Structures are given as C-alpha cells and as structure tokens.
PDB file of N, CA and C in Angstrom:
ATOM      1  N   MET A   1      35.815-175.969 -82.325  1.00  0.00           N
ATOM      2  CA  MET A   1      34.823-177.005 -82.474  1.00  0.00           C
ATOM      3  C   MET A   1      34.022-176.766 -83.747  1.00  0.00           C
ATOM      4  N   GLN A   2      33.585-177.850 -84.345  1.00  0.00           N
ATOM      5  CA  GLN A   2      32.787-177.742 -85.560  1.00  0.00           C
ATOM      6  C   GLN A   2      31.308-177.900 -85.230  1.00  0.00           C
ATOM      7  N   TYR A   3      30.490-177.114 -85.931  1.00  0.00           N
ATOM      8  CA  TYR A   3      29.043-177.159 -85.753  1.00  0.00           C
ATOM      9  C   TYR A   3      28.370-177.210 -87.114  1.00  0.00           C
ATOM     10  N   MET A   4      27.305-178.005 -87.188  1.00  0.00           N
ATOM     11  CA  MET A   4      26.459-178.033 -88.385  1.00  0.00           C
ATOM     12  C   MET A   4      25.272-177.123 -88.117  1.00  0.00           C
ATOM     13  N   LEU A   5      25.022-176.228 -89.036  1.00  0.00           N
ATOM     14  CA  LEU A   5      23.807-175.420 -89.010  1.00  0.00           C
ATOM     15  C   LEU A   5      22.885-176.052 -90.042  1.00  0.00           C
ATOM     16  N   LEU A   6      21.873-176.759 -89.582  1.00  0.00           N
ATOM     17  CA  LEU A   6      20.951-177.492 -90.459  1.00  0.00           C
ATOM     18  C   LEU A   6      19.720-176.622 -90.695  1.00  0.00           C
ATOM     19  N   ILE A   7      19.515-176.240 -91.938  1.00  0.00           N
ATOM     20  CA  ILE A   7      18.448-175.301 -92.282  1.00  0.00           C
ATOM     21  C   ILE A   7      17.208-176.075 -92.698  1.00  0.00           C
ATOM     22  N   HIS A   8      16.152-175.947 -91.905  1.00  0.00           N
ATOM     23  CA  HIS A   8      14.895-176.633 -92.175  1.00  0.00           C
ATOM     24  C   HIS A   8      13.897-175.628 -92.741  1.00  0.00           C
ATOM     25  N   VAL A   9      13.265-175.995 -93.849  1.00  0.00           N
ATOM     26  CA  VAL A   9      12.327-175.112 -94.541  1.00  0.00           C
ATOM     27  C   VAL A   9      11.038-175.863 -94.871  1.00  0.00           C
ATOM     28  N   ASP A  10       9.987-175.115 -95.099  1.00  0.00           N
ATOM     29  CA  ASP A  10       8.724-175.696 -95.556  1.00  0.00           C
ATOM     30  C   ASP A  10       8.742-175.666 -97.078  1.00  0.00           C
ATOM     31  N   GLU A  11       9.010-176.809 -97.689  1.00  0.00           N
ATOM     32  CA  GLU A  11       9.131-176.891 -99.148  1.00  0.00           C
ATOM     33  C   GLU A  11       7.828-176.550 -99.870  1.00  0.00           C
ATOM     34  N   THR A  12       6.696-176.749 -99.225  1.00  0.00           N
ATOM     35  CA  THR A  12       5.410-176.475 -99.890  1.00  0.00           C
ATOM     36  C   THR A  12       5.219-174.989-100.141  1.00  0.00           C
ATOM     37  N   LYS A  13       5.902-174.148 -99.394  1.00  0.00           N
ATOM     38  CA  LYS A  13       5.776-172.700 -99.574  1.00  0.00           C
ATOM     39  C   LYS A  13       6.682-172.160-100.676  1.00  0.00           C
ATOM     40  N   MET A  14       7.717-172.900-101.033  1.00  0.00           N
ATOM     41  CA  MET A  14       8.705-172.395-101.991  1.00  0.00           C
ATOM     42  C   MET A  14       8.109-172.015-103.350  1.00  0.00           C
ATOM     43  N   PRO A  15       7.256-172.850-103.958  1.00  0.00           N
ATOM     44  CA  PRO A  15       6.723-172.476-105.273  1.00  0.00           C
ATOM     45  C   PRO A  15       5.812-171.244-105.234  1.00  0.00           C
ATOM     46  N   LYS A  16       5.309-170.910-104.052  1.00  0.00           N
ATOM     47  CA  LYS A  16       4.377-169.790-103.915  1.00  0.00           C
ATOM     48  C   LYS A  16       5.080-168.460-103.660  1.00  0.00           C
ATOM     49  N   VAL A  17       6.392-168.501-103.445  1.00  0.00           N
ATOM     50  CA  VAL A  17       7.140-167.279-103.139  1.00  0.00           C
ATOM     51  C   VAL A  17       7.312-166.458-104.414  1.00  0.00           C
ATOM     52  N   PRO A  18       6.923-165.173-104.378  1.00  0.00           N
ATOM     53  CA  PRO A  18       7.107-164.317-105.560  1.00  0.00           C
ATOM     54  C   PRO A  18       8.583-164.214-105.959  1.00  0.00           C
ATOM     55  N   THR A  19       8.805-164.044-107.252  1.00  0.00           N
ATOM     56  CA  THR A  19      10.170-164.008-107.794  1.00  0.00           C
ATOM     57  C   THR A  19      11.042-162.978-107.100  1.00  0.00           C
ATOM     58  N   ASN A  20      10.527-161.782-106.853  1.00  0.00           N
ATOM     59  CA  ASN A  20      11.344-160.744-106.224  1.00  0.00           C
ATOM     60  C   ASN A  20      11.773-161.157-104.807  1.00  0.00           C
ATOM     61  N   GLU A  21      10.921-161.893-104.087  1.00  0.00           N
ATOM     62  CA  GLU A  21      11.294-162.374-102.756  1.00  0.00           C
ATOM     63  C   GLU A  21      12.348-163.473-102.849  1.00  0.00           C
ATOM     64  N   THR A  22      12.274-164.275-103.911  1.00  0.00           N
ATOM     65  CA  THR A  22      13.286-165.313-104.128  1.00  0.00           C
ATOM     66  C   THR A  22      14.648-164.675-104.340  1.00  0.00           C
ATOM     67  N   TYR A  23      14.699-163.612-105.134  1.00  0.00           N
ATOM     68  CA  TYR A  23      15.964-162.902-105.362  1.00  0.00           C
ATOM     69  C   TYR A  23      16.470-162.261-104.072  1.00  0.00           C
ATOM     70  N   GLN A  24      15.567-161.713-103.268  1.00  0.00           N
ATOM     71  CA  GLN A  24      15.968-161.107-101.995  1.00  0.00           C
ATOM     72  C   GLN A  24      16.554-162.157-101.055  1.00  0.00           C
ATOM     73  N   MET A  25      15.919-163.335-101.006  1.00  0.00           N
ATOM     74  CA  MET A  25      16.419-164.402-100.138  1.00  0.00           C
ATOM     75  C   MET A  25      17.783-164.888-100.624  1.00  0.00           C
ATOM     76  N   ALA A  26      17.954-165.018-101.948  1.00  0.00           N
ATOM     77  CA  ALA A  26      19.245-165.439-102.503  1.00  0.00           C
ATOM     78  C   ALA A  26      20.328-164.418-102.144  1.00  0.00           C
ATOM     79  N   ALA A  27      20.005-163.153-102.236  1.00  0.00           N
ATOM     80  CA  ALA A  27      20.970-162.105-101.890  1.00  0.00           C
ATOM     81  C   ALA A  27      21.313-162.164-100.406  1.00  0.00           C
ATOM     82  N   ALA A  28      20.318-162.428 -99.572  1.00  0.00           N
ATOM     83  CA  ALA A  28      20.563-162.530 -98.130  1.00  0.00           C
ATOM     84  C   ALA A  28      21.479-163.714 -97.821  1.00  0.00           C
ATOM     85  N   TYR A  29      21.248-164.844 -98.486  1.00  0.00           N
ATOM     86  CA  TYR A  29      22.118-166.005 -98.275  1.00  0.00           C
ATOM     87  C   TYR A  29      23.531-165.741 -98.794  1.00  0.00           C
ATOM     88  N   ASN A  30      23.656-165.065 -99.926  1.00  0.00           N
ATOM     89  CA  ASN A  30      24.992-164.726-100.440  1.00  0.00           C
ATOM     90  C   ASN A  30      25.744-163.841 -99.448  1.00  0.00           C
ATOM     91  N   ALA A  31      25.045-162.845 -98.884  1.00  0.00           N
ATOM     92  CA  ALA A  31      25.671-161.942 -97.913  1.00  0.00           C
ATOM     93  C   ALA A  31      26.056-162.708 -96.640  1.00  0.00           C
ATOM     94  N   TYR A  32      25.194-163.603 -96.201  1.00  0.00           N
ATOM     95  CA  TYR A  32      25.474-164.410 -95.011  1.00  0.00           C
ATOM     96  C   TYR A  32      26.690-165.304 -95.244  1.00  0.00           C
ATOM     97  N   THR A  33      26.741-165.948 -96.402  1.00  0.00           N
ATOM     98  CA  THR A  33      27.868-166.810 -96.730  1.00  0.00           C
ATOM     99  C   THR A  33      29.163-166.004 -96.760  1.00  0.00           C
ATOM    100  N   GLU A  34      29.115-164.820 -97.333  1.00  0.00           N
ATOM    101  CA  GLU A  34      30.308-163.960 -97.368  1.00  0.00           C
ATOM    102  C   GLU A  34      30.730-163.545 -95.964  1.00  0.00           C
ATOM    103  N   ALA A  35      29.764-163.277 -95.075  1.00  0.00           N
ATOM    104  CA  ALA A  35      30.095-162.915 -93.691  1.00  0.00           C
ATOM    105  C   ALA A  35      30.778-164.081 -92.976  1.00  0.00           C
ATOM    106  N   LEU A  36      30.284-165.309 -93.212  1.00  0.00           N
ATOM    107  CA  LEU A  36      30.924-166.491 -92.636  1.00  0.00           C
ATOM    108  C   LEU A  36      32.359-166.633 -93.147  1.00  0.00           C
ATOM    109  N   LYS A  37      32.549-166.437 -94.458  1.00  0.00           N
ATOM    110  CA  LYS A  37      33.886-166.534 -95.049  1.00  0.00           C
ATOM    111  C   LYS A  37      34.817-165.475 -94.478  1.00  0.00           C
ATOM    112  N   LYS A  38      34.321-164.241 -94.421  1.00  0.00           N
ATOM    113  CA  LYS A  38      35.132-163.122 -93.931  1.00  0.00           C
ATOM    114  C   LYS A  38      35.556-163.339 -92.480  1.00  0.00           C
ATOM    115  N   ALA A  39      34.679-163.946 -91.681  1.00  0.00           N
ATOM    116  CA  ALA A  39      34.987-164.224 -90.278  1.00  0.00           C
ATOM    117  C   ALA A  39      35.903-165.436 -90.125  1.00  0.00           C
ATOM    118  N   GLY A  40      36.116-166.171 -91.228  1.00  0.00           N
ATOM    119  CA  GLY A  40      36.993-167.333 -91.197  1.00  0.00           C
ATOM    120  C   GLY A  40      36.399-168.545 -90.503  1.00  0.00           C
ATOM    121  N   VAL A  41      35.054-168.624 -90.447  1.00  0.00           N
ATOM    122  CA  VAL A  41      34.417-169.746 -89.744  1.00  0.00           C
ATOM    123  C   VAL A  41      33.785-170.769 -90.685  1.00  0.00           C
ATOM    124  N   LEU A  42      33.623-170.426 -91.948  1.00  0.00           N
ATOM    125  CA  LEU A  42      32.950-171.324 -92.884  1.00  0.00           C
ATOM    126  C   LEU A  42      33.868-172.461 -93.316  1.00  0.00           C
ATOM    127  N   LEU A  43      33.402-173.703 -93.130  1.00  0.00           N
ATOM    128  CA  LEU A  43      34.132-174.876 -93.595  1.00  0.00           C
ATOM    129  C   LEU A  43      33.471-175.465 -94.838  1.00  0.00           C
ATOM    130  N   ALA A  44      32.132-175.437 -94.893  1.00  0.00           N
ATOM    131  CA  ALA A  44      31.391-175.960 -96.037  1.00  0.00           C
ATOM    132  C   ALA A  44      29.942-175.509 -95.919  1.00  0.00           C
ATOM    133  N   GLY A  45      29.222-175.647 -97.011  1.00  0.00           N
ATOM    134  CA  GLY A  45      27.798-175.339 -96.989  1.00  0.00           C
ATOM    135  C   GLY A  45      27.211-175.502 -98.370  1.00  0.00           C
ATOM    136  N   GLU A  46      25.984-175.992 -98.411  1.00  0.00           N
ATOM    137  CA  GLU A  46      25.306-176.183 -99.690  1.00  0.00           C
ATOM    138  C   GLU A  46      23.797-176.166 -99.493  1.00  0.00           C
ATOM    139  N   ARG A  47      23.108-175.839-100.552  1.00  0.00           N
ATOM    140  CA  ARG A  47      21.662-175.958-100.611  1.00  0.00           C
ATOM    141  C   ARG A  47      21.355-177.378-101.089  1.00  0.00           C
ATOM    142  N   LEU A  48      20.278-177.956-100.590  1.00  0.00           N
ATOM    143  CA  LEU A  48      19.901-179.307-100.982  1.00  0.00           C
ATOM    144  C   LEU A  48      18.687-179.278-101.900  1.00  0.00           C
ATOM    145  N   LYS A  49      18.607-180.235-102.800  1.00  0.00           N
ATOM    146  CA  LYS A  49      17.432-180.370-103.662  1.00  0.00           C
ATOM    147  C   LYS A  49      16.249-180.804-102.795  1.00  0.00           C
ATOM    148  N   PRO A  50      15.010-180.631-103.280  1.00  0.00           N
ATOM    149  CA  PRO A  50      13.824-180.970-102.479  1.00  0.00           C
ATOM    150  C   PRO A  50      13.824-182.422-102.010  1.00  0.00           C
ATOM    151  N   SER A  51      13.170-182.645-100.883  1.00  0.00           N
ATOM    152  CA  SER A  51      13.158-183.977-100.271  1.00  0.00           C
ATOM    153  C   SER A  51      12.505-185.027-101.170  1.00  0.00           C
ATOM    154  N   GLY A  52      11.651-184.610-102.083  1.00  0.00           N
ATOM    155  CA  GLY A  52      11.037-185.549-103.008  1.00  0.00           C
ATOM    156  C   GLY A  52      12.020-186.197-103.963  1.00  0.00           C
ATOM    157  N   THR A  53      13.220-185.645-104.075  1.00  0.00           N
ATOM    158  CA  THR A  53      14.240-186.217-104.957  1.00  0.00           C
ATOM    159  C   THR A  53      15.195-187.129-104.197  1.00  0.00           C
ATOM    160  N   ALA A  54      14.967-187.271-102.892  1.00  0.00           N
ATOM    161  CA  ALA A  54      15.891-188.018-102.042  1.00  0.00           C
ATOM    162  C   ALA A  54      15.519-189.498-101.956  1.00  0.00           C
ATOM    163  N   ALA A  55      16.424-190.254-101.394  1.00  0.00           N
ATOM    164  CA  ALA A  55      16.178-191.665-101.092  1.00  0.00           C
ATOM    165  C   ALA A  55      16.740-191.945 -99.705  1.00  0.00           C
ATOM    166  N   ALA A  56      16.054-192.775 -98.967  1.00  0.00           N
ATOM    167  CA  ALA A  56      16.549-193.218 -97.659  1.00  0.00           C
ATOM    168  C   ALA A  56      16.942-194.682 -97.793  1.00  0.00           C
ATOM    169  N   VAL A  57      18.107-195.005 -97.276  1.00  0.00           N
ATOM    170  CA  VAL A  57      18.621-196.374 -97.389  1.00  0.00           C
ATOM    171  C   VAL A  57      18.757-196.951 -95.987  1.00  0.00           C
ATOM    172  N   ARG A  58      18.268-198.160 -95.842  1.00  0.00           N
ATOM    173  CA  ARG A  58      18.463-198.876 -94.587  1.00  0.00           C
ATOM    174  C   ARG A  58      18.649-200.351 -94.889  1.00  0.00           C
ATOM    175  N   VAL A  59      19.410-201.005 -94.021  1.00  0.00           N
ATOM    176  CA  VAL A  59      19.649-202.440 -94.174  1.00  0.00           C
ATOM    177  C   VAL A  59      19.007-203.141 -92.984  1.00  0.00           C
ATOM    178  N   ARG A  60      18.120-204.082 -93.289  1.00  0.00           N
ATOM    179  CA  ARG A  60      17.444-204.882 -92.266  1.00  0.00           C
ATOM    180  C   ARG A  60      17.595-206.348 -92.648  1.00  0.00           C
ATOM    181  N   ASP A  61      18.063-207.145 -91.726  1.00  0.00           N
ATOM    182  CA  ASP A  61      18.261-208.570 -91.986  1.00  0.00           C
ATOM    183  C   ASP A  61      19.066-208.797 -93.260  1.00  0.00           C
ATOM    184  N   GLU A  62      20.142-208.017 -93.412  1.00  0.00           N
ATOM    185  CA  GLU A  62      21.052-208.116 -94.561  1.00  0.00           C
ATOM    186  C   GLU A  62      20.379-207.801 -95.895  1.00  0.00           C
ATOM    187  N   ARG A  63      19.243-207.136 -95.853  1.00  0.00           N
ATOM    188  CA  ARG A  63      18.540-206.748 -97.073  1.00  0.00           C
ATOM    189  C   ARG A  63      18.508-205.220 -97.146  1.00  0.00           C
ATOM    190  N   THR A  64      18.928-204.680 -98.282  1.00  0.00           N
ATOM    191  CA  THR A  64      18.941-203.239 -98.473  1.00  0.00           C
ATOM    192  C   THR A  64      17.577-202.763 -98.936  1.00  0.00           C
ATOM    193  N   GLU A  65      17.052-201.770 -98.226  1.00  0.00           N
ATOM    194  CA  GLU A  65      15.780-201.149 -98.596  1.00  0.00           C
ATOM    195  C   GLU A  65      16.058-199.711 -98.999  1.00  0.00           C
ATOM    196  N   VAL A  66      15.491-199.291-100.107  1.00  0.00           N
ATOM    197  CA  VAL A  66      15.611-197.916-100.568  1.00  0.00           C
ATOM    198  C   VAL A  66      14.205-197.340-100.604  1.00  0.00           C
ATOM    199  N   LEU A  67      14.008-196.256 -99.872  1.00  0.00           N
ATOM    200  CA  LEU A  67      12.706-195.608 -99.793  1.00  0.00           C
ATOM    201  C   LEU A  67      12.769-194.270-100.499  1.00  0.00           C
ATOM    202  N   ASP A  68      11.752-193.962-101.270  1.00  0.00           N
ATOM    203  CA  ASP A  68      11.668-192.645-101.890  1.00  0.00           C
ATOM    204  C   ASP A  68      11.162-191.647-100.865  1.00  0.00           C
ATOM    205  N   GLY A  69      11.554-190.384-101.019  1.00  0.00           N
ATOM    206  CA  GLY A  69      11.114-189.336-100.093  1.00  0.00           C
ATOM    207  C   GLY A  69       9.842-188.694-100.572  1.00  0.00           C
ATOM    208  N   PRO A  70       9.265-187.773 -99.835  1.00  0.00           N
ATOM    209  CA  PRO A  70       9.676-187.404 -98.475  1.00  0.00           C
ATOM    210  C   PRO A  70       9.308-188.491 -97.480  1.00  0.00           C
ATOM    211  N   PHE A  71       9.934-188.438 -96.327  1.00  0.00           N
ATOM    212  CA  PHE A  71       9.892-189.557 -95.402  1.00  0.00           C
ATOM    213  C   PHE A  71       9.087-189.322 -94.146  1.00  0.00           C
ATOM    214  N   ALA A  72       8.786-188.102 -93.830  1.00  0.00           N
ATOM    215  CA  ALA A  72       8.101-187.829 -92.566  1.00  0.00           C
ATOM    216  C   ALA A  72       6.989-186.814 -92.767  1.00  0.00           C
ATOM    217  N   ASP A  73       5.992-186.923 -91.944  1.00  0.00           N
ATOM    218  CA  ASP A  73       4.924-185.927 -91.955  1.00  0.00           C
ATOM    219  C   ASP A  73       5.352-184.734 -91.117  1.00  0.00           C
ATOM    220  N   THR A  74       6.213-183.937 -91.660  1.00  0.00           N
ATOM    221  CA  THR A  74       6.679-182.742 -90.975  1.00  0.00           C
ATOM    222  C   THR A  74       6.417-181.546 -91.864  1.00  0.00           C
ATOM    223  N   LYS A  75       6.326-180.397 -91.253  1.00  0.00           N
ATOM    224  CA  LYS A  75       6.107-179.183 -92.034  1.00  0.00           C
ATOM    225  C   LYS A  75       7.404-178.674 -92.643  1.00  0.00           C
ATOM    226  N   GLU A  76       8.525-179.037 -92.022  1.00  0.00           N
ATOM    227  CA  GLU A  76       9.811-178.554 -92.500  1.00  0.00           C
ATOM    228  C   GLU A  76      10.706-179.715 -92.908  1.00  0.00           C
ATOM    229  N   GLN A  77      11.473-179.487 -93.972  1.00  0.00           N
ATOM    230  CA  GLN A  77      12.417-180.474 -94.466  1.00  0.00           C
ATOM    231  C   GLN A  77      13.814-179.848 -94.453  1.00  0.00           C
ATOM    232  N   LEU A  78      14.830-180.699 -94.472  1.00  0.00           N
ATOM    233  CA  LEU A  78      16.205-180.214 -94.511  1.00  0.00           C
ATOM    234  C   LEU A  78      16.466-179.607 -95.882  1.00  0.00           C
ATOM    235  N   GLY A  79      16.757-178.326 -95.914  1.00  0.00           N
ATOM    236  CA  GLY A  79      16.931-177.621 -97.181  1.00  0.00           C
ATOM    237  C   GLY A  79      18.368-177.255 -97.492  1.00  0.00           C
ATOM    238  N   GLY A  80      19.230-177.320 -96.478  1.00  0.00           N
ATOM    239  CA  GLY A  80      20.625-176.974 -96.702  1.00  0.00           C
ATOM    240  C   GLY A  80      21.378-176.984 -95.386  1.00  0.00           C
ATOM    241  N   TYR A  81      22.669-176.681 -95.468  1.00  0.00           N
ATOM    242  CA  TYR A  81      23.488-176.719 -94.262  1.00  0.00           C
ATOM    243  C   TYR A  81      24.708-175.817 -94.422  1.00  0.00           C
ATOM    244  N   TYR A  82      25.251-175.464 -93.295  1.00  0.00           N
ATOM    245  CA  TYR A  82      26.573-174.839 -93.207  1.00  0.00           C
ATOM    246  C   TYR A  82      27.350-175.620 -92.166  1.00  0.00           C
ATOM    247  N   LEU A  83      28.602-175.886 -92.438  1.00  0.00           N
ATOM    248  CA  LEU A  83      29.518-176.457 -91.457  1.00  0.00           C
ATOM    249  C   LEU A  83      30.461-175.320 -91.069  1.00  0.00           C
ATOM    250  N   ILE A  84      30.457-174.984 -89.776  1.00  0.00           N
ATOM    251  CA  ILE A  84      31.269-173.849 -89.323  1.00  0.00           C
ATOM    252  C   ILE A  84      32.199-174.273 -88.194  1.00  0.00           C
ATOM    253  N   GLU A  85      33.203-173.462 -87.973  1.00  0.00           N
ATOM    254  CA  GLU A  85      34.120-173.604 -86.843  1.00  0.00           C
ATOM    255  C   GLU A  85      33.785-172.469 -85.886  1.00  0.00           C
ATOM    256  N   ALA A  86      33.489-172.813 -84.634  1.00  0.00           N
ATOM    257  CA  ALA A  86      33.152-171.800 -83.638  1.00  0.00           C
ATOM    258  C   ALA A  86      33.732-172.228 -82.292  1.00  0.00           C
ATOM    259  N   PRO A  87      34.035-171.272 -81.424  1.00  0.00           N
ATOM    260  CA  PRO A  87      34.652-171.627 -80.149  1.00  0.00           C
ATOM    261  C   PRO A  87      33.717-172.377 -79.196  1.00  0.00           C
ATOM    262  N   ASP A  88      32.391-172.141 -79.336  1.00  0.00           N
ATOM    263  CA  ASP A  88      31.447-172.783 -78.425  1.00  0.00           C
ATOM    264  C   ASP A  88      30.033-172.726 -79.020  1.00  0.00           C
ATOM    265  N   MET A  89      29.099-173.395 -78.338  1.00  0.00           N
ATOM    266  CA  MET A  89      27.715-173.463 -78.804  1.00  0.00           C
ATOM    267  C   MET A  89      27.086-172.080 -78.883  1.00  0.00           C
ATOM    268  N   ASP A  90      27.360-171.217 -77.921  1.00  0.00           N
ATOM    269  CA  ASP A  90      26.774-169.878 -77.943  1.00  0.00           C
ATOM    270  C   ASP A  90      27.159-169.121 -79.213  1.00  0.00           C
ATOM    271  N   SER A  91      28.418-169.221 -79.609  1.00  0.00           N
ATOM    272  CA  SER A  91      28.869-168.560 -80.845  1.00  0.00           C
ATOM    273  C   SER A  91      28.188-169.161 -82.063  1.00  0.00           C
ATOM    274  N   ALA A  92      28.055-170.493 -82.085  1.00  0.00           N
ATOM    275  CA  ALA A  92      27.383-171.162 -83.205  1.00  0.00           C
ATOM    276  C   ALA A  92      25.914-170.739 -83.281  1.00  0.00           C
ATOM    277  N   VAL A  93      25.270-170.618 -82.135  1.00  0.00           N
ATOM    278  CA  VAL A  93      23.869-170.176 -82.105  1.00  0.00           C
ATOM    279  C   VAL A  93      23.751-168.742 -82.620  1.00  0.00           C
ATOM    280  N   GLN A  94      24.714-167.903 -82.294  1.00  0.00           N
ATOM    281  CA  GLN A  94      24.693-166.530 -82.804  1.00  0.00           C
ATOM    282  C   GLN A  94      24.790-166.517 -84.329  1.00  0.00           C
ATOM    283  N   TRP A  95      25.641-167.379 -84.899  1.00  0.00           N
ATOM    284  CA  TRP A  95      25.722-167.476 -86.362  1.00  0.00           C
ATOM    285  C   TRP A  95      24.412-168.006 -86.932  1.00  0.00           C
ATOM    286  N   ALA A  96      23.815-168.992 -86.273  1.00  0.00           N
ATOM    287  CA  ALA A  96      22.544-169.548 -86.749  1.00  0.00           C
ATOM    288  C   ALA A  96      21.446-168.486 -86.757  1.00  0.00           C
ATOM    289  N   ALA A  97      21.439-167.631 -85.763  1.00  0.00           N
ATOM    290  CA  ALA A  97      20.431-166.568 -85.691  1.00  0.00           C
ATOM    291  C   ALA A  97      20.578-165.569 -86.830  1.00  0.00           C
ATOM    292  N   ARG A  98      21.782-165.425 -87.359  1.00  0.00           N
ATOM    293  CA  ARG A  98      22.011-164.515 -88.489  1.00  0.00           C
ATOM    294  C   ARG A  98      21.651-165.143 -89.829  1.00  0.00           C
ATOM    295  N   CYS A  99      21.477-166.455 -89.859  1.00  0.00           N
ATOM    296  CA  CYS A  99      21.151-167.156 -91.103  1.00  0.00           C
ATOM    297  C   CYS A  99      19.769-166.729 -91.601  1.00  0.00           C
ATOM    298  N   PRO A 100      19.644-166.410 -92.884  1.00  0.00           N
ATOM    299  CA  PRO A 100      18.330-166.018 -93.413  1.00  0.00           C
ATOM    300  C   PRO A 100      17.249-167.071 -93.167  1.00  0.00           C
ATOM    301  N   GLY A 101      17.617-168.331 -93.137  1.00  0.00           N
ATOM    302  CA  GLY A 101      16.646-169.392 -92.910  1.00  0.00           C
ATOM    303  C   GLY A 101      16.005-169.353 -91.539  1.00  0.00           C
ATOM    304  N   SER A 102      16.643-168.698 -90.572  1.00  0.00           N
ATOM    305  CA  SER A 102      16.067-168.634 -89.226  1.00  0.00           C
ATOM    306  C   SER A 102      14.836-167.744 -89.171  1.00  0.00           C
ATOM    307  N   SER A 103      14.664-166.863 -90.152  1.00  0.00           N
ATOM    308  CA  SER A 103      13.497-165.975 -90.157  1.00  0.00           C
ATOM    309  C   SER A 103      12.291-166.587 -90.864  1.00  0.00           C
ATOM    310  N   THR A 104      12.497-167.655 -91.625  1.00  0.00           N
ATOM    311  CA  THR A 104      11.385-168.277 -92.349  1.00  0.00           C
ATOM    312  C   THR A 104      11.203-169.749 -91.998  1.00  0.00           C
ATOM    313  N   GLY A 105      12.194-170.342 -91.348  1.00  0.00           N
ATOM    314  CA  GLY A 105      12.147-171.754 -90.965  1.00  0.00           C
ATOM    315  C   GLY A 105      12.868-171.930 -89.653  1.00  0.00           C
ATOM    316  N   THR A 106      13.629-172.989 -89.556  1.00  0.00           N
ATOM    317  CA  THR A 106      14.366-173.305 -88.333  1.00  0.00           C
ATOM    318  C   THR A 106      15.797-173.659 -88.695  1.00  0.00           C
ATOM    319  N   VAL A 107      16.736-173.187 -87.910  1.00  0.00           N
ATOM    320  CA  VAL A 107      18.133-173.580 -88.078  1.00  0.00           C
ATOM    321  C   VAL A 107      18.542-174.360 -86.828  1.00  0.00           C
ATOM    322  N   GLU A 108      18.785-175.640 -87.022  1.00  0.00           N
ATOM    323  CA  GLU A 108      19.210-176.516 -85.933  1.00  0.00           C
ATOM    324  C   GLU A 108      20.732-176.453 -85.848  1.00  0.00           C
ATOM    325  N   VAL A 109      21.255-176.325 -84.643  1.00  0.00           N
ATOM    326  CA  VAL A 109      22.705-176.251 -84.421  1.00  0.00           C
ATOM    327  C   VAL A 109      23.132-177.534 -83.721  1.00  0.00           C
ATOM    328  N   ARG A 110      24.064-178.255 -84.349  1.00  0.00           N
ATOM    329  CA  ARG A 110      24.548-179.517 -83.782  1.00  0.00           C
ATOM    330  C   ARG A 110      26.070-179.521 -83.796  1.00  0.00           C
ATOM    331  N   GLU A 111      26.654-179.845 -82.650  1.00  0.00           N
ATOM    332  CA  GLU A 111      28.111-179.984 -82.587  1.00  0.00           C
ATOM    333  C   GLU A 111      28.504-181.282 -83.288  1.00  0.00           C
ATOM    334  N   VAL A 112      29.592-181.224 -84.041  1.00  0.00           N
ATOM    335  CA  VAL A 112      30.107-182.390 -84.758  1.00  0.00           C
ATOM    336  C   VAL A 112      31.042-183.147 -83.823  1.00  0.00           C
ATOM    337  N   TRP A 113      30.860-184.481 -83.744  1.00  0.00           N
ATOM    338  CA  TRP A 113      31.786-185.294 -82.963  1.00  0.00           C
ATOM    339  C   TRP A 113      33.161-185.170 -83.586  1.00  0.00           C
ATOM    340  N   PRO A 114      34.206-184.990 -82.766  1.00  0.00           N
ATOM    341  CA  PRO A 114      35.553-184.972 -83.339  1.00  0.00           C
ATOM    342  C   PRO A 114      35.892-186.343 -83.929  1.00  0.00           C
ATOM    343  N   ALA A 115      36.684-186.344 -84.970  1.00  0.00           N
ATOM    344  CA  ALA A 115      37.101-187.594 -85.598  1.00  0.00           C
ATOM    345  C   ALA A 115      37.921-188.406 -84.612  1.00  0.00           C
ATOM    346  N   MET A 116      37.678-189.693 -84.639  1.00  0.00           N
ATOM    347  CA  MET A 116      38.447-190.578 -83.758  1.00  0.00           C
ATOM    348  C   MET A 116      39.844-190.772 -84.349  1.00  0.00           C
ATOM    349  N   ALA A 117      40.818-190.741 -83.482  1.00  0.00           N
ATOM    350  CA  ALA A 117      42.197-190.966 -83.933  1.00  0.00           C
ATOM    351  C   ALA A 117      42.358-192.441 -84.299  1.00  0.00           C
ATOM    352  N   PRO A 118      43.089-192.723 -85.372  1.00  0.00           N
ATOM    353  CA  PRO A 118      43.313-194.131 -85.730  1.00  0.00           C
ATOM    354  C   PRO A 118      44.113-194.847 -84.648  1.00  0.00           C
ATOM    355  N   ALA A 119      43.810-196.099 -84.466  1.00  0.00           N
ATOM    356  CA  ALA A 119      44.549-196.903 -83.472  1.00  0.00           C
ATOM    357  C   ALA A 119      45.959-197.149 -83.981  1.00  0.00           C
ATOM    358  N   ASN A 120      46.916-197.098 -83.069  1.00  0.00           N
ATOM    359  CA  ASN A 120      48.316-197.337 -83.452  1.00  0.00           C
ATOM    360  C   ASN A 120      48.670-198.784 -83.386  1.00  0.00           C
TER     361      ASN A 120
END
C-alpha cells in the first residue's frame, strides 16, 4: 500500500533558525531519505516552497478563481512530503515517527487510494 507522509511545519520559525541548526536538519533529512531508499520503501519525496508562493484554484459557476497563499490561519503549513510503500498503517506511522519533521512539526500519514482500473 502507498502512504503519503505530509510534513507540516511552522514557516514563521524558519527564518529564525540558526544556520548551524539548518545544516543539522538538512543532514537529518538526507539520512532519513537514504534510510527510506535503503529499505526500498521510498517512491517519491520533495520539499515545497513556502505557502506564500502558492496559489489555490477553484471553479465556481464555471468561473476560475485563483487565490494567493497562504490560505488558512494555521500555525503549520505543508512543507514537503514523502510517498512510501508500506505493508500497513502501523509501518507507515513508524516511518513518519523517524522523519525529522516529526520532532519540530507534524507528519500526517494518509493512505493513497489505489488507482482505478480502466473500464474495458
């Protein structure tokens, strides 16, 4: 089964983090990514640019609306993700707990719906 590990962070704290801590966090993420690869569970993963650079798109009454971010009054924003293959939710949660983001923010674990087979 595939699971998304959605890493939520407080973007307002990022500019205040000392440089040496930034390097430590980068090293921790590199080590975590390598552990996922070595275990053969990593399918994809990327860091996302800040929510202020995003746009939300919705269509209402056949009219496209584009909204600039950030979009919600929340303390944490989506900062990145990993897509992993795991046998069950418990295994995915164990991987999420090892993610460096779980110690400074929140890692949400969501099972991915399997792709629908095309109709014959």
